[in-house]
């Protein structure tokens, strides 16, 4: 194999790996912060999802509570304590958790939805290494020349940015905050699963949650 083909193959392998990773990771934590002086570990949480859809709120909170229970952290979904027509504010939350052992409140809300337009070239191009169009300069050039002049198309994707905050019940202070970005989600369930997995991992890594 020529030096050109070796280098070209390595580039294509790298791009293929990047695309595979991107396809499997539509949701990522873009930034995460923890109060540097915080020494407290939370064992009983109230999970709140703020959004326009009550159905999505319940789905998100229920799944988050289930995943926390799987690692031994107790939690309760806010929809079980706070009705959908109630405004979620300090007084409402304080009254809802009164008499309970909840020591932390986890709140997730949507920050922004950004649209991105991506140009996708024609997919007719299929490289054939070691032969075919790559067999010689005068067969390769006409093929590529015809390919690059074929029109592609544009696709528009939405990126959802959410913020999740953890507040200490006693001090009412923010102790942890994370922003996540989800690129072109296929479903609400996909966002819920990926988001929950990432947030719980980050909370564990920062030693903020622990089995009761």
N, C-alpha and C. Protein backbone atom coordinates (compact mmCIF):
# COMPACT_ATOMS: atom_id res chain seq x y z
N UNK A 1 0.86 -1.20 0.00
CA UNK A 1 0.00 0.00 0.00
C UNK A 1 0.89 1.24 0.00
N UNK A 2 0.52 2.24 -0.81
CA UNK A 2 1.33 3.45 -0.89
C UNK A 2 1.20 4.27 0.37
N UNK A 3 2.15 5.20 0.54
CA UNK A 3 2.11 6.08 1.71
C UNK A 3 0.83 6.89 1.70
N UNK A 4 0.40 7.33 0.51
CA UNK A 4 -0.84 8.13 0.39
C UNK A 4 -2.03 7.33 0.88
N UNK A 5 -2.13 6.08 0.40
CA UNK A 5 -3.26 5.25 0.80
C UNK A 5 -3.24 4.91 2.28
N UNK A 6 -2.03 4.72 2.85
CA UNK A 6 -1.92 4.44 4.27
C UNK A 6 -2.43 5.61 5.10
N UNK A 7 -1.99 6.82 4.74
CA UNK A 7 -2.43 8.01 5.47
C UNK A 7 -3.93 8.23 5.31
N UNK A 8 -4.40 8.01 4.08
CA UNK A 8 -5.83 8.23 3.80
C UNK A 8 -6.67 7.25 4.60
N UNK A 9 -6.22 6.01 4.69
CA UNK A 9 -6.95 4.99 5.45
C UNK A 9 -7.02 5.35 6.93
N UNK A 10 -5.90 5.88 7.48
CA UNK A 10 -5.87 6.27 8.89
C UNK A 10 -6.85 7.41 9.16
N UNK A 11 -6.91 8.36 8.22
CA UNK A 11 -7.85 9.48 8.36
C UNK A 11 -9.28 8.99 8.35
N UNK A 12 -9.61 8.10 7.42
CA UNK A 12 -10.97 7.57 7.33
C UNK A 12 -11.32 6.76 8.58
N UNK A 13 -10.37 6.01 9.12
CA UNK A 13 -10.61 5.24 10.34
C UNK A 13 -10.89 6.17 11.51
N UNK A 14 -10.13 7.26 11.61
CA UNK A 14 -10.32 8.25 12.68
C UNK A 14 -11.69 8.89 12.58
N UNK A 15 -12.07 9.30 11.37
CA UNK A 15 -13.37 9.95 11.17
C UNK A 15 -14.50 8.98 11.50
N UNK A 16 -14.33 7.72 11.12
CA UNK A 16 -15.34 6.72 11.42
C UNK A 16 -15.52 6.54 12.91
N UNK A 17 -14.42 6.57 13.64
CA UNK A 17 -14.47 6.43 15.10
C UNK A 17 -15.17 7.62 15.73
N UNK A 18 -14.84 8.82 15.26
CA UNK A 18 -15.47 10.04 15.78
C UNK A 18 -16.97 10.02 15.54
N UNK A 19 -17.38 9.61 14.34
CA UNK A 19 -18.80 9.57 14.03
C UNK A 19 -19.52 8.54 14.87
N UNK A 20 -18.86 7.40 15.12
CA UNK A 20 -19.46 6.36 15.95
C UNK A 20 -19.65 6.84 17.37
N UNK A 21 -18.64 7.50 17.94
CA UNK A 21 -18.72 8.03 19.29
C UNK A 21 -19.81 9.09 19.38
N UNK A 22 -19.86 9.97 18.37
CA UNK A 22 -20.86 11.04 18.37
C UNK A 22 -22.26 10.46 18.31
N UNK A 23 -22.43 9.40 17.51
CA UNK A 23 -23.75 8.80 17.36
C UNK A 23 -24.22 8.16 18.65
N UNK A 24 -23.27 7.71 19.48
CA UNK A 24 -23.63 7.02 20.72
C UNK A 24 -23.69 7.97 21.91
N UNK A 25 -23.36 9.22 21.69
CA UNK A 25 -23.31 10.16 22.81
C UNK A 25 -23.94 11.48 22.40
N UNK A 26 -25.27 11.50 22.26
CA UNK A 26 -25.97 12.71 21.85
C UNK A 26 -26.05 13.72 22.99
N UNK A 27 -25.95 13.26 24.23
CA UNK A 27 -26.01 14.14 25.39
C UNK A 27 -24.66 14.18 26.09
N UNK A 28 -24.19 15.37 26.37
CA UNK A 28 -22.91 15.52 27.05
C UNK A 28 -23.01 16.63 28.10
N UNK A 29 -22.24 16.53 29.16
CA UNK A 29 -22.15 17.60 30.15
C UNK A 29 -21.19 18.65 29.61
N UNK A 30 -21.69 19.85 29.41
CA UNK A 30 -20.85 20.92 28.87
C UNK A 30 -20.09 21.64 29.97
N UNK A 31 -20.65 21.70 31.16
CA UNK A 31 -19.93 22.29 32.29
C UNK A 31 -20.54 21.80 33.61
N UNK A 32 -19.69 21.71 34.62
CA UNK A 32 -20.13 21.24 35.93
C UNK A 32 -19.36 21.99 37.01
N UNK A 33 -20.10 22.38 38.06
CA UNK A 33 -19.50 23.15 39.15
C UNK A 33 -19.95 22.59 40.48
N UNK A 34 -19.07 22.58 41.46
CA UNK A 34 -19.43 22.15 42.80
C UNK A 34 -18.88 23.17 43.80
N UNK A 35 -19.63 23.45 44.84
CA UNK A 35 -19.19 24.35 45.88
C UNK A 35 -17.92 23.79 46.53
N UNK A 36 -16.80 24.51 46.41
CA UNK A 36 -15.51 23.98 46.88
C UNK A 36 -15.47 23.68 48.38
N UNK A 37 -16.27 24.38 49.17
CA UNK A 37 -16.25 24.17 50.62
C UNK A 37 -17.26 23.13 51.10
N UNK A 38 -18.02 22.59 50.18
CA UNK A 38 -19.05 21.62 50.58
C UNK A 38 -18.44 20.28 50.97
N UNK A 39 -18.81 19.80 52.12
CA UNK A 39 -18.34 18.51 52.60
C UNK A 39 -19.50 17.52 52.80
N UNK A 40 -20.70 17.98 52.51
CA UNK A 40 -21.88 17.18 52.80
C UNK A 40 -22.17 16.19 51.67
N UNK A 41 -22.64 15.01 52.05
CA UNK A 41 -23.05 14.00 51.09
C UNK A 41 -24.56 13.81 51.25
N UNK A 42 -25.29 13.80 50.14
CA UNK A 42 -26.75 13.76 50.19
C UNK A 42 -27.28 12.36 49.97
N UNK A 43 -28.24 11.97 50.84
CA UNK A 43 -28.74 10.60 50.83
C UNK A 43 -30.24 10.51 50.58
N UNK A 44 -30.91 11.66 50.57
CA UNK A 44 -32.37 11.66 50.38
C UNK A 44 -32.75 12.91 49.60
N UNK A 45 -33.13 12.74 48.34
CA UNK A 45 -33.33 13.87 47.45
C UNK A 45 -34.78 14.04 47.01
N UNK A 46 -35.12 15.29 46.71
CA UNK A 46 -36.36 15.61 46.02
C UNK A 46 -35.96 15.95 44.58
N UNK A 47 -36.54 15.25 43.61
CA UNK A 47 -36.20 15.46 42.21
C UNK A 47 -37.31 16.27 41.54
N UNK A 48 -36.92 17.42 40.98
CA UNK A 48 -37.88 18.30 40.33
C UNK A 48 -37.49 18.52 38.87
N UNK A 49 -38.43 18.28 37.98
CA UNK A 49 -38.23 18.60 36.57
C UNK A 49 -39.21 19.69 36.18
N UNK A 50 -38.70 20.84 35.76
CA UNK A 50 -39.56 21.97 35.41
C UNK A 50 -39.69 22.05 33.89
N UNK A 51 -40.92 21.95 33.41
CA UNK A 51 -41.16 22.02 31.97
C UNK A 51 -42.63 22.26 31.69
N UNK A 52 -42.94 22.46 30.41
CA UNK A 52 -44.32 22.73 30.02
C UNK A 52 -45.18 21.47 30.04
N UNK A 53 -44.56 20.32 29.82
CA UNK A 53 -45.31 19.07 29.73
C UNK A 53 -45.31 18.35 31.08
N UNK A 54 -46.49 18.13 31.63
CA UNK A 54 -46.62 17.39 32.87
C UNK A 54 -46.24 15.93 32.67
N UNK A 55 -46.53 15.41 31.49
CA UNK A 55 -46.18 14.03 31.18
C UNK A 55 -44.67 13.82 31.18
N UNK A 56 -43.95 14.77 30.55
CA UNK A 56 -42.49 14.67 30.52
C UNK A 56 -41.89 14.86 31.92
N UNK A 57 -42.49 15.75 32.68
CA UNK A 57 -42.03 15.98 34.05
C UNK A 57 -42.11 14.69 34.86
N UNK A 58 -43.23 14.02 34.77
CA UNK A 58 -43.42 12.78 35.53
C UNK A 58 -42.48 11.68 35.05
N UNK A 59 -42.31 11.61 33.73
CA UNK A 59 -41.43 10.58 33.18
C UNK A 59 -39.99 10.80 33.63
N UNK A 60 -39.54 12.05 33.59
CA UNK A 60 -38.18 12.39 33.98
C UNK A 60 -37.95 12.13 35.46
N UNK A 61 -38.84 12.65 36.30
CA UNK A 61 -38.68 12.50 37.74
C UNK A 61 -38.73 11.03 38.17
N UNK A 62 -39.65 10.28 37.58
CA UNK A 62 -39.80 8.87 37.94
C UNK A 62 -38.56 8.08 37.57
N UNK A 63 -38.03 8.33 36.38
CA UNK A 63 -36.84 7.59 35.94
C UNK A 63 -35.63 7.95 36.79
N UNK A 64 -35.49 9.23 37.11
CA UNK A 64 -34.36 9.68 37.93
C UNK A 64 -34.41 9.01 39.31
N UNK A 65 -35.60 8.98 39.90
CA UNK A 65 -35.77 8.36 41.22
C UNK A 65 -35.43 6.87 41.17
N UNK A 66 -35.86 6.20 40.09
CA UNK A 66 -35.57 4.77 39.94
C UNK A 66 -34.06 4.52 39.84
N UNK A 67 -33.37 5.36 39.07
CA UNK A 67 -31.93 5.18 38.89
C UNK A 67 -31.16 5.48 40.18
N UNK A 68 -31.64 6.45 40.94
CA UNK A 68 -31.01 6.74 42.23
C UNK A 68 -31.24 5.57 43.20
N UNK A 69 -32.43 5.00 43.18
CA UNK A 69 -32.74 3.87 44.06
C UNK A 69 -31.86 2.67 43.73
N UNK A 70 -31.49 2.55 42.44
CA UNK A 70 -30.66 1.43 42.01
C UNK A 70 -29.27 1.47 42.63
N UNK A 71 -28.82 2.67 43.05
CA UNK A 71 -27.51 2.78 43.69
C UNK A 71 -27.65 3.06 45.19
N UNK A 72 -28.87 2.90 45.69
CA UNK A 72 -29.08 3.01 47.13
C UNK A 72 -29.36 4.39 47.66
N UNK A 73 -29.60 5.36 46.76
CA UNK A 73 -29.91 6.73 47.19
C UNK A 73 -31.41 6.92 47.17
N UNK A 74 -31.98 7.31 48.29
CA UNK A 74 -33.42 7.53 48.36
C UNK A 74 -33.80 8.86 47.73
N UNK A 75 -34.93 8.87 47.05
CA UNK A 75 -35.39 10.09 46.39
C UNK A 75 -36.89 10.00 46.17
N UNK A 76 -37.51 11.14 46.00
CA UNK A 76 -38.94 11.19 45.72
C UNK A 76 -39.18 12.15 44.57
N UNK A 77 -40.11 11.80 43.69
CA UNK A 77 -40.46 12.67 42.57
C UNK A 77 -41.37 13.79 43.06
N UNK A 78 -41.10 15.00 42.60
CA UNK A 78 -41.85 16.16 43.10
C UNK A 78 -43.33 16.10 42.75
N UNK A 79 -43.68 15.42 41.63
CA UNK A 79 -45.10 15.42 41.24
C UNK A 79 -45.97 14.68 42.25
N UNK A 80 -45.34 13.86 43.10
CA UNK A 80 -46.09 13.16 44.13
C UNK A 80 -46.39 14.06 45.33
N UNK A 81 -45.66 15.17 45.43
CA UNK A 81 -45.84 16.09 46.55
C UNK A 81 -46.37 17.45 46.13
N UNK A 82 -46.09 17.82 44.88
CA UNK A 82 -46.49 19.15 44.37
C UNK A 82 -47.38 18.97 43.15
N UNK A 83 -48.59 19.48 43.19
CA UNK A 83 -49.54 19.34 42.09
C UNK A 83 -49.09 20.14 40.87
N UNK A 84 -49.57 19.72 39.70
CA UNK A 84 -49.16 20.34 38.44
C UNK A 84 -49.59 21.81 38.34
N UNK A 85 -50.65 22.18 39.04
CA UNK A 85 -51.13 23.56 38.97
C UNK A 85 -50.49 24.46 40.04
N UNK A 86 -49.60 23.88 40.84
CA UNK A 86 -48.92 24.67 41.85
C UNK A 86 -47.62 25.26 41.30
N UNK A 87 -47.34 26.48 41.68
CA UNK A 87 -46.09 27.12 41.27
C UNK A 87 -44.96 26.56 42.12
N UNK A 88 -43.89 26.14 41.44
CA UNK A 88 -42.74 25.58 42.16
C UNK A 88 -41.82 26.72 42.60
N UNK A 89 -41.94 27.10 43.87
CA UNK A 89 -41.08 28.14 44.43
C UNK A 89 -40.62 27.69 45.81
N UNK A 90 -39.94 28.57 46.51
CA UNK A 90 -39.36 28.23 47.81
C UNK A 90 -40.41 27.75 48.79
N UNK A 91 -41.50 28.51 48.91
CA UNK A 91 -42.53 28.18 49.89
C UNK A 91 -43.21 26.84 49.57
N UNK A 92 -43.49 26.61 48.28
CA UNK A 92 -44.16 25.37 47.87
C UNK A 92 -43.29 24.16 48.16
N UNK A 93 -42.00 24.27 47.83
CA UNK A 93 -41.08 23.15 48.05
C UNK A 93 -40.90 22.91 49.55
N UNK A 94 -40.72 23.99 50.31
CA UNK A 94 -40.51 23.86 51.76
C UNK A 94 -41.70 23.17 52.42
N UNK A 95 -42.90 23.52 52.00
CA UNK A 95 -44.10 22.92 52.57
C UNK A 95 -44.22 21.46 52.16
N UNK A 96 -43.82 21.15 50.89
CA UNK A 96 -43.95 19.79 50.37
C UNK A 96 -43.03 18.81 51.09
N UNK A 97 -41.86 19.27 51.50
CA UNK A 97 -40.89 18.36 52.12
C UNK A 97 -40.87 18.44 53.64
N UNK A 98 -41.77 19.25 54.19
CA UNK A 98 -41.82 19.41 55.65
C UNK A 98 -42.09 18.07 56.33
N UNK A 99 -41.27 17.72 57.30
CA UNK A 99 -41.45 16.47 58.03
C UNK A 99 -40.78 15.28 57.38
N UNK A 100 -40.20 15.47 56.20
CA UNK A 100 -39.51 14.38 55.51
C UNK A 100 -38.01 14.46 55.77
N UNK A 101 -37.30 13.41 55.42
CA UNK A 101 -35.86 13.36 55.67
C UNK A 101 -35.04 13.90 54.50
N UNK A 102 -35.69 14.59 53.59
CA UNK A 102 -35.01 15.09 52.40
C UNK A 102 -33.94 16.12 52.78
N UNK A 103 -32.72 15.90 52.30
CA UNK A 103 -31.64 16.83 52.61
C UNK A 103 -31.12 17.60 51.41
N UNK A 104 -31.59 17.24 50.22
CA UNK A 104 -31.17 17.95 49.02
C UNK A 104 -32.29 18.01 47.98
N UNK A 105 -32.33 19.11 47.24
CA UNK A 105 -33.35 19.29 46.19
C UNK A 105 -32.64 19.43 44.86
N UNK A 106 -32.99 18.53 43.92
CA UNK A 106 -32.37 18.52 42.60
C UNK A 106 -33.37 19.07 41.58
N UNK A 107 -33.01 20.16 40.93
CA UNK A 107 -33.92 20.84 40.00
C UNK A 107 -33.33 20.88 38.60
N UNK A 108 -34.10 20.42 37.62
CA UNK A 108 -33.67 20.45 36.21
C UNK A 108 -34.64 21.30 35.41
N UNK A 109 -34.10 22.19 34.59
CA UNK A 109 -34.96 23.00 33.73
C UNK A 109 -34.25 23.29 32.41
N UNK A 110 -35.04 23.62 31.39
CA UNK A 110 -34.51 23.90 30.06
C UNK A 110 -33.97 25.32 30.00
N UNK A 111 -32.74 25.45 29.52
CA UNK A 111 -32.13 26.77 29.37
C UNK A 111 -32.34 27.35 27.98
N UNK A 112 -32.10 26.53 26.96
CA UNK A 112 -32.18 27.05 25.59
C UNK A 112 -32.34 25.92 24.59
N UNK A 113 -32.90 26.28 23.42
CA UNK A 113 -32.97 25.38 22.28
C UNK A 113 -32.35 26.11 21.10
N UNK A 114 -31.24 25.57 20.59
CA UNK A 114 -30.54 26.20 19.47
C UNK A 114 -30.69 25.35 18.22
N UNK A 115 -30.87 26.03 17.08
CA UNK A 115 -30.97 25.34 15.80
C UNK A 115 -29.66 25.47 15.04
N UNK A 116 -29.25 24.36 14.41
CA UNK A 116 -28.02 24.35 13.63
C UNK A 116 -28.30 23.70 12.28
N UNK A 117 -27.92 24.38 11.22
CA UNK A 117 -28.10 23.84 9.87
C UNK A 117 -26.79 23.27 9.38
N UNK A 118 -26.83 22.01 8.96
CA UNK A 118 -25.63 21.30 8.52
C UNK A 118 -25.77 20.90 7.05
N UNK A 119 -24.73 21.15 6.27
CA UNK A 119 -24.72 20.74 4.88
C UNK A 119 -24.17 19.33 4.77
N UNK A 120 -24.92 18.45 4.13
CA UNK A 120 -24.48 17.07 3.95
C UNK A 120 -24.24 16.83 2.46
N UNK A 121 -23.01 16.46 2.09
CA UNK A 121 -22.69 16.22 0.68
C UNK A 121 -23.38 14.97 0.16
N UNK A 122 -23.32 14.79 -1.15
CA UNK A 122 -23.90 13.61 -1.77
C UNK A 122 -23.28 12.36 -1.18
N UNK A 123 -24.08 11.31 -1.00
CA UNK A 123 -23.59 10.06 -0.42
C UNK A 123 -23.23 9.03 -1.49
N UNK A 124 -23.17 9.49 -2.75
CA UNK A 124 -22.87 8.56 -3.84
C UNK A 124 -21.42 8.11 -3.84
N UNK A 125 -20.57 8.85 -3.14
CA UNK A 125 -19.13 8.59 -3.18
C UNK A 125 -18.76 7.39 -2.32
N UNK A 126 -18.20 6.36 -2.93
CA UNK A 126 -17.78 5.15 -2.21
C UNK A 126 -16.33 4.85 -2.57
N UNK A 127 -15.37 5.10 -1.66
CA UNK A 127 -13.96 4.85 -1.96
C UNK A 127 -13.67 3.36 -2.11
N UNK A 128 -12.77 3.04 -3.04
CA UNK A 128 -12.33 1.66 -3.26
C UNK A 128 -10.82 1.65 -3.25
N UNK A 129 -10.26 1.29 -2.10
CA UNK A 129 -8.80 1.35 -1.95
C UNK A 129 -8.13 0.19 -2.68
N UNK A 130 -6.95 0.46 -3.22
CA UNK A 130 -6.15 -0.58 -3.83
C UNK A 130 -6.61 -0.99 -5.22
N UNK A 131 -7.61 -0.34 -5.75
CA UNK A 131 -8.09 -0.70 -7.07
C UNK A 131 -9.24 0.19 -7.46
N UNK A 132 -10.00 -0.18 -8.49
CA UNK A 132 -11.12 0.63 -8.92
C UNK A 132 -10.69 2.03 -9.29
N UNK A 133 -11.40 3.04 -8.76
CA UNK A 133 -11.09 4.43 -9.05
C UNK A 133 -9.72 4.83 -8.52
N UNK A 134 -9.26 4.14 -7.45
CA UNK A 134 -7.96 4.49 -6.86
C UNK A 134 -6.79 3.84 -7.60
N UNK A 135 -7.10 3.05 -8.64
CA UNK A 135 -6.05 2.34 -9.33
C UNK A 135 -5.10 3.25 -10.10
N UNK A 136 -5.55 4.40 -10.50
CA UNK A 136 -4.68 5.31 -11.24
C UNK A 136 -5.20 6.72 -11.22
N UNK A 137 -4.34 7.66 -11.47
CA UNK A 137 -4.69 9.08 -11.43
C UNK A 137 -5.82 9.41 -12.40
N UNK A 138 -5.76 8.84 -13.61
CA UNK A 138 -6.69 9.25 -14.66
C UNK A 138 -8.06 8.58 -14.54
N UNK A 139 -8.18 7.61 -13.64
CA UNK A 139 -9.50 7.06 -13.33
C UNK A 139 -10.05 7.69 -12.06
N UNK A 140 -9.14 8.07 -11.15
CA UNK A 140 -9.54 8.65 -9.86
C UNK A 140 -10.09 10.05 -10.03
N UNK A 141 -9.39 10.89 -10.79
CA UNK A 141 -9.77 12.30 -10.91
C UNK A 141 -11.17 12.49 -11.51
N UNK A 142 -11.51 11.85 -12.65
CA UNK A 142 -12.86 12.07 -13.20
C UNK A 142 -13.96 11.65 -12.23
N UNK A 143 -13.71 10.55 -11.46
CA UNK A 143 -14.72 10.09 -10.51
C UNK A 143 -14.95 11.12 -9.40
N UNK A 144 -13.87 11.62 -8.82
CA UNK A 144 -13.98 12.61 -7.75
C UNK A 144 -14.56 13.91 -8.27
N UNK A 145 -14.16 14.30 -9.45
CA UNK A 145 -14.64 15.55 -10.05
C UNK A 145 -16.16 15.51 -10.23
N UNK A 146 -16.67 14.36 -10.65
CA UNK A 146 -18.12 14.24 -10.84
C UNK A 146 -18.84 14.20 -9.50
N UNK A 147 -18.19 13.60 -8.49
CA UNK A 147 -18.79 13.48 -7.16
C UNK A 147 -18.96 14.84 -6.48
N UNK A 148 -17.91 15.66 -6.52
CA UNK A 148 -17.95 16.92 -5.79
C UNK A 148 -18.92 17.91 -6.41
N UNK A 149 -19.34 17.68 -7.64
CA UNK A 149 -20.29 18.59 -8.29
C UNK A 149 -21.73 18.12 -8.14
N UNK A 150 -21.94 16.96 -7.50
CA UNK A 150 -23.30 16.52 -7.23
C UNK A 150 -23.85 17.30 -6.04
N UNK A 151 -25.06 17.80 -6.14
CA UNK A 151 -25.61 18.61 -5.03
C UNK A 151 -25.89 17.77 -3.80
N UNK A 152 -25.60 18.31 -2.63
CA UNK A 152 -25.94 17.67 -1.38
C UNK A 152 -27.24 18.23 -0.86
N UNK A 153 -27.40 18.26 0.45
CA UNK A 153 -28.63 18.79 1.03
C UNK A 153 -28.34 19.32 2.43
N UNK A 154 -29.26 20.13 2.93
CA UNK A 154 -29.12 20.73 4.25
C UNK A 154 -30.11 20.08 5.22
N UNK A 155 -29.65 19.87 6.45
CA UNK A 155 -30.54 19.39 7.50
C UNK A 155 -30.43 20.32 8.71
N UNK A 156 -31.54 20.51 9.38
CA UNK A 156 -31.58 21.38 10.56
C UNK A 156 -31.77 20.53 11.81
N UNK A 157 -30.89 20.74 12.78
CA UNK A 157 -30.94 19.98 14.01
C UNK A 157 -31.10 20.93 15.20
N UNK A 158 -31.74 20.44 16.24
CA UNK A 158 -31.92 21.23 17.45
C UNK A 158 -31.02 20.70 18.56
N UNK A 159 -30.41 21.62 19.29
CA UNK A 159 -29.60 21.26 20.45
C UNK A 159 -30.26 21.82 21.70
N UNK A 160 -30.54 20.94 22.65
CA UNK A 160 -31.21 21.33 23.88
C UNK A 160 -30.19 21.49 25.01
N UNK A 161 -30.21 22.64 25.66
CA UNK A 161 -29.33 22.89 26.80
C UNK A 161 -30.17 22.91 28.07
N UNK A 162 -29.84 22.03 29.01
CA UNK A 162 -30.56 21.96 30.28
C UNK A 162 -29.61 22.24 31.42
N UNK A 163 -30.15 22.79 32.49
CA UNK A 163 -29.36 23.05 33.68
C UNK A 163 -29.98 22.29 34.85
N UNK A 164 -29.11 21.63 35.62
CA UNK A 164 -29.56 20.89 36.80
C UNK A 164 -28.79 21.39 38.02
N UNK A 165 -29.53 21.79 39.05
CA UNK A 165 -28.93 22.34 40.27
C UNK A 165 -29.28 21.49 41.48
N UNK A 166 -28.32 21.37 42.38
CA UNK A 166 -28.55 20.69 43.65
C UNK A 166 -28.46 21.71 44.78
N UNK A 167 -29.55 21.83 45.55
CA UNK A 167 -29.60 22.78 46.67
C UNK A 167 -29.63 22.02 48.00
N UNK A 168 -28.94 22.57 48.97
CA UNK A 168 -28.96 22.02 50.32
C UNK A 168 -30.23 22.52 51.01
N UNK A 169 -30.98 21.60 51.62
CA UNK A 169 -32.25 21.97 52.25
C UNK A 169 -32.04 22.87 53.46
N UNK A 170 -31.07 22.57 54.27
CA UNK A 170 -30.86 23.35 55.49
C UNK A 170 -30.36 24.77 55.21
N UNK A 171 -29.33 24.88 54.40
CA UNK A 171 -28.75 26.21 54.12
C UNK A 171 -29.45 26.93 52.97
N UNK A 172 -30.20 26.15 52.13
CA UNK A 172 -30.86 26.66 50.93
C UNK A 172 -29.85 27.18 49.90
N UNK A 173 -28.59 26.79 50.04
CA UNK A 173 -27.54 27.24 49.13
C UNK A 173 -27.33 26.24 47.99
N UNK A 174 -26.89 26.77 46.85
CA UNK A 174 -26.54 25.94 45.71
C UNK A 174 -25.20 25.25 46.00
N UNK A 175 -25.16 23.92 45.86
CA UNK A 175 -23.91 23.19 46.13
C UNK A 175 -23.33 22.54 44.87
N UNK A 176 -24.17 22.41 43.83
CA UNK A 176 -23.69 21.78 42.58
C UNK A 176 -24.58 22.22 41.43
N UNK A 177 -23.95 22.39 40.27
CA UNK A 177 -24.71 22.78 39.08
C UNK A 177 -24.05 22.18 37.85
N UNK A 178 -24.86 21.71 36.93
CA UNK A 178 -24.33 21.13 35.69
C UNK A 178 -25.21 21.54 34.52
N UNK A 179 -24.58 21.82 33.40
CA UNK A 179 -25.29 22.09 32.15
C UNK A 179 -25.01 20.97 31.17
N UNK A 180 -26.06 20.52 30.51
CA UNK A 180 -25.92 19.45 29.53
C UNK A 180 -26.46 19.92 28.19
N UNK A 181 -25.88 19.36 27.12
CA UNK A 181 -26.33 19.67 25.77
C UNK A 181 -26.69 18.36 25.06
N UNK A 182 -27.89 18.34 24.51
CA UNK A 182 -28.36 17.17 23.77
C UNK A 182 -28.56 17.55 22.32
N UNK A 183 -27.83 16.88 21.43
CA UNK A 183 -27.88 17.19 20.00
C UNK A 183 -28.89 16.30 19.30
N UNK A 184 -29.86 16.93 18.67
CA UNK A 184 -30.85 16.26 17.81
C UNK A 184 -31.40 14.98 18.42
N UNK A 185 -32.06 15.07 19.57
CA UNK A 185 -32.59 13.85 20.20
C UNK A 185 -33.70 13.22 19.36
N UNK A 186 -33.75 11.89 19.37
CA UNK A 186 -34.77 11.18 18.62
C UNK A 186 -36.08 11.08 19.40
N UNK A 187 -35.98 11.16 20.73
CA UNK A 187 -37.18 11.05 21.55
C UNK A 187 -36.92 11.65 22.92
N UNK A 188 -38.01 11.95 23.63
CA UNK A 188 -37.91 12.46 24.99
C UNK A 188 -37.28 11.40 25.89
N UNK A 189 -37.63 10.14 25.67
CA UNK A 189 -37.10 9.05 26.49
C UNK A 189 -35.58 8.96 26.35
N UNK A 190 -35.07 9.18 25.14
CA UNK A 190 -33.62 9.16 24.93
C UNK A 190 -32.93 10.22 25.77
N UNK A 191 -33.51 11.42 25.80
CA UNK A 191 -32.94 12.51 26.58
C UNK A 191 -32.97 12.16 28.07
N UNK A 192 -34.08 11.64 28.54
CA UNK A 192 -34.23 11.30 29.95
C UNK A 192 -33.19 10.28 30.39
N UNK A 193 -33.04 9.23 29.60
CA UNK A 193 -32.10 8.15 29.95
C UNK A 193 -30.66 8.66 29.96
N UNK A 194 -30.26 9.35 28.88
CA UNK A 194 -28.88 9.83 28.78
C UNK A 194 -28.57 10.89 29.83
N UNK A 195 -29.51 11.81 30.02
CA UNK A 195 -29.32 12.89 30.99
C UNK A 195 -29.17 12.34 32.40
N UNK A 196 -30.06 11.45 32.78
CA UNK A 196 -30.02 10.87 34.12
C UNK A 196 -28.71 10.14 34.37
N UNK A 197 -28.28 9.35 33.41
CA UNK A 197 -27.03 8.59 33.55
C UNK A 197 -25.85 9.52 33.78
N UNK A 198 -25.76 10.59 32.99
CA UNK A 198 -24.63 11.52 33.10
C UNK A 198 -24.65 12.29 34.41
N UNK A 199 -25.82 12.75 34.81
CA UNK A 199 -25.92 13.55 36.03
C UNK A 199 -25.60 12.72 37.28
N UNK A 200 -26.13 11.52 37.34
CA UNK A 200 -25.86 10.66 38.50
C UNK A 200 -24.37 10.34 38.57
N UNK A 201 -23.76 10.07 37.43
CA UNK A 201 -22.32 9.79 37.42
C UNK A 201 -21.52 10.97 37.93
N UNK A 202 -21.90 12.18 37.50
CA UNK A 202 -21.17 13.37 37.93
C UNK A 202 -21.36 13.61 39.42
N UNK A 203 -22.56 13.40 39.92
CA UNK A 203 -22.84 13.56 41.34
C UNK A 203 -22.03 12.56 42.17
N UNK A 204 -21.91 11.33 41.68
CA UNK A 204 -21.12 10.31 42.37
C UNK A 204 -19.64 10.65 42.33
N UNK A 205 -19.18 11.07 41.15
CA UNK A 205 -17.76 11.39 41.01
C UNK A 205 -17.33 12.53 41.93
N UNK A 206 -18.27 13.46 42.20
CA UNK A 206 -17.97 14.59 43.06
C UNK A 206 -18.34 14.32 44.52
N UNK A 207 -18.67 13.05 44.80
CA UNK A 207 -18.97 12.60 46.17
C UNK A 207 -20.10 13.40 46.81
N UNK A 208 -21.16 13.64 46.02
CA UNK A 208 -22.30 14.42 46.51
C UNK A 208 -23.47 13.54 46.90
N UNK A 209 -23.52 12.32 46.41
CA UNK A 209 -24.60 11.41 46.76
C UNK A 209 -24.03 10.10 47.25
N UNK A 210 -24.80 9.44 48.14
CA UNK A 210 -24.32 8.19 48.75
C UNK A 210 -25.53 7.40 49.24
N UNK A 211 -25.37 6.08 49.23
CA UNK A 211 -26.45 5.23 49.71
C UNK A 211 -26.75 5.52 51.17
N UNK A 212 -28.02 5.50 51.50
CA UNK A 212 -28.45 5.85 52.87
C UNK A 212 -28.16 4.71 53.84
